[in-house]
N, C-alpha and C. Protein backbone atom coordinates (compact mmCIF):
# COMPACT_ATOMS: atom_id res chain seq x y z
N MET A 1 -57.65 24.94 -28.31
CA MET A 1 -57.02 23.49 -29.15
C MET A 1 -55.68 23.84 -29.96
N ARG A 2 -55.66 24.97 -30.54
CA ARG A 2 -54.45 24.92 -31.00
C ARG A 2 -53.18 24.67 -30.79
N ARG A 3 -53.31 25.29 -29.59
CA ARG A 3 -52.16 25.74 -28.57
C ARG A 3 -51.76 24.24 -27.98
N LEU A 4 -52.92 23.17 -27.89
CA LEU A 4 -52.27 22.15 -27.27
C LEU A 4 -52.06 21.26 -28.27
N MET A 5 -52.10 21.46 -29.87
CA MET A 5 -51.81 20.85 -30.85
C MET A 5 -50.36 21.08 -31.52
N SER A 6 -50.02 21.99 -30.82
CA SER A 6 -48.77 23.01 -31.23
C SER A 6 -47.63 21.96 -30.28
N VAL A 7 -48.04 22.34 -28.62
CA VAL A 7 -46.95 21.74 -28.08
C VAL A 7 -47.06 19.98 -27.94
N CYS A 8 -47.98 19.58 -28.28
CA CYS A 8 -47.81 18.30 -28.34
C CYS A 8 -46.62 18.17 -29.57
N LEU A 9 -46.85 18.62 -30.89
CA LEU A 9 -45.89 18.25 -32.19
C LEU A 9 -44.47 18.76 -31.53
N LEU A 10 -44.33 19.76 -31.07
CA LEU A 10 -43.00 20.17 -30.79
C LEU A 10 -42.44 19.13 -29.52
N ALA A 11 -43.13 18.54 -28.98
CA ALA A 11 -43.12 17.88 -28.26
C ALA A 11 -42.30 16.50 -28.74
N VAL A 12 -42.96 15.62 -29.68
CA VAL A 12 -43.15 14.91 -30.59
C VAL A 12 -41.86 15.23 -31.47
N ALA A 13 -41.80 16.76 -31.74
CA ALA A 13 -40.30 17.14 -32.70
C ALA A 13 -38.60 16.43 -31.96
N LEU A 14 -38.97 17.09 -30.85
CA LEU A 14 -37.82 17.27 -29.14
C LEU A 14 -37.68 15.92 -29.44
N LEU A 15 -38.26 14.76 -28.79
CA LEU A 15 -38.50 13.64 -29.00
C LEU A 15 -37.83 12.71 -29.92
N GLY A 16 -38.27 12.98 -31.28
CA GLY A 16 -37.35 12.73 -32.26
C GLY A 16 -35.94 13.12 -32.71
N VAL A 17 -35.99 14.50 -32.30
CA VAL A 17 -34.48 15.12 -32.56
C VAL A 17 -33.46 13.92 -31.37
N GLY A 18 -34.06 14.14 -30.09
CA GLY A 18 -33.27 13.79 -28.94
C GLY A 18 -32.70 11.89 -29.25
N THR A 19 -33.56 11.37 -30.36
CA THR A 19 -33.64 9.94 -30.64
C THR A 19 -32.46 10.01 -31.58
N THR A 20 -32.19 10.39 -32.27
CA THR A 20 -31.43 10.33 -33.65
C THR A 20 -30.41 11.05 -33.31
N LEU A 21 -30.05 11.99 -32.21
CA LEU A 21 -28.53 12.28 -31.91
C LEU A 21 -28.11 11.13 -30.75
N THR A 22 -28.63 10.44 -30.18
CA THR A 22 -28.48 9.56 -29.32
C THR A 22 -27.54 8.47 -29.81
N GLY A 23 -27.96 8.27 -31.30
CA GLY A 23 -27.17 6.95 -31.71
C GLY A 23 -27.40 5.94 -31.90
N CYS A 24 -26.46 4.52 -32.45
CA CYS A 24 -27.19 3.09 -32.40
C CYS A 24 -26.12 2.75 -31.41
N VAL A 25 -27.16 1.89 -30.70
CA VAL A 25 -26.93 1.20 -29.68
C VAL A 25 -26.54 -0.62 -30.60
N MET A 26 -25.20 -0.53 -30.44
CA MET A 26 -24.81 -1.90 -30.83
C MET A 26 -24.57 -2.80 -29.84
N VAL A 27 -25.52 -4.26 -29.91
CA VAL A 27 -24.96 -5.08 -29.30
C VAL A 27 -24.76 -6.88 -30.12
N ALA A 28 -23.26 -7.29 -29.09
CA ALA A 28 -22.61 -7.59 -29.89
C ALA A 28 -23.76 -9.26 -29.82
N PRO A 29 -23.89 -10.32 -30.90
CA PRO A 29 -24.40 -11.24 -31.22
C PRO A 29 -24.10 -11.91 -30.62
N ARG A 30 -25.19 -12.98 -30.18
CA ARG A 30 -24.83 -14.91 -29.37
C ARG A 30 -24.69 -15.67 -30.30
N PRO A 31 -23.49 -16.97 -29.73
CA PRO A 31 -23.24 -17.75 -30.61
C PRO A 31 -24.45 -18.01 -31.17
N ALA A 32 -24.48 -18.36 -32.49
CA ALA A 32 -25.45 -19.30 -32.61
C ALA A 32 -25.40 -20.49 -32.68
N ARG A 33 -26.21 -21.47 -32.25
CA ARG A 33 -26.03 -22.69 -32.44
C ARG A 33 -26.52 -23.28 -33.41
N VAL A 34 -25.29 -24.53 -33.82
CA VAL A 34 -25.91 -25.03 -35.47
C VAL A 34 -25.84 -26.87 -35.19
N TRP A 35 -26.77 -27.07 -35.88
CA TRP A 35 -26.47 -28.53 -36.02
C TRP A 35 -26.01 -29.30 -36.60
N VAL A 36 -25.07 -30.39 -36.27
CA VAL A 36 -23.95 -31.01 -37.10
C VAL A 36 -24.93 -32.18 -37.42
N PRO A 37 -24.80 -33.08 -38.51
CA PRO A 37 -25.49 -33.73 -39.04
C PRO A 37 -24.20 -35.24 -38.73
N GLY A 38 -25.04 -36.19 -38.72
CA GLY A 38 -23.84 -36.97 -38.54
C GLY A 38 -23.35 -37.48 -40.01
N TYR A 39 -22.35 -38.75 -39.58
CA TYR A 39 -21.48 -38.85 -40.29
C TYR A 39 -20.26 -40.15 -39.66
N TRP A 40 -19.93 -40.61 -41.01
CA TRP A 40 -18.89 -41.68 -40.87
C TRP A 40 -17.48 -41.34 -40.46
N GLY A 41 -17.33 -41.74 -39.14
CA GLY A 41 -15.82 -41.78 -38.50
C GLY A 41 -14.39 -42.41 -38.69
N TYR A 42 -13.48 -42.24 -38.64
CA TYR A 42 -12.36 -43.27 -38.98
C TYR A 42 -12.71 -44.62 -37.68
N GLY A 43 -12.35 -45.51 -39.33
CA GLY A 43 -13.03 -46.85 -38.46
C GLY A 43 -14.41 -47.44 -39.40
N HIS A 44 -14.86 -46.79 -40.04
CA HIS A 44 -16.52 -46.99 -40.48
C HIS A 44 -17.56 -46.94 -39.29
N VAL A 45 -16.92 -45.89 -38.47
CA VAL A 45 -17.75 -46.25 -37.28
C VAL A 45 -18.93 -44.46 -37.36
N TRP A 46 -20.44 -44.66 -37.52
CA TRP A 46 -21.29 -43.97 -37.16
C TRP A 46 -21.11 -42.89 -36.34
N VAL A 47 -21.31 -41.49 -36.79
CA VAL A 47 -21.04 -40.61 -35.36
C VAL A 47 -22.08 -39.39 -36.05
N GLY A 48 -23.38 -39.55 -34.85
CA GLY A 48 -24.59 -38.79 -34.55
C GLY A 48 -24.45 -37.80 -34.44
N GLY A 49 -25.67 -37.49 -35.16
CA GLY A 49 -25.66 -35.13 -34.59
C GLY A 49 -25.38 -35.04 -33.81
N HIS A 50 -25.13 -33.55 -33.72
CA HIS A 50 -24.88 -33.11 -32.16
C HIS A 50 -25.00 -31.63 -32.68
N TRP A 51 -25.53 -31.13 -31.45
CA TRP A 51 -25.52 -29.24 -31.62
C TRP A 51 -24.29 -28.46 -31.28
N ARG A 52 -24.03 -27.83 -31.95
CA ARG A 52 -22.51 -26.94 -31.36
C ARG A 52 -22.26 -26.09 -31.59
């Protein structure tokens, strides 16, 4: 039983060291969609809100 625990502990330690050596994987963020509220345009025309 003691040998099994030491093997499991060693496996977890090796897995932890392996993940720390791989580094951080950076993923480019997707462009966020934002809501543009409505506004009064040129000539006093109401322009409704839209997603951009």
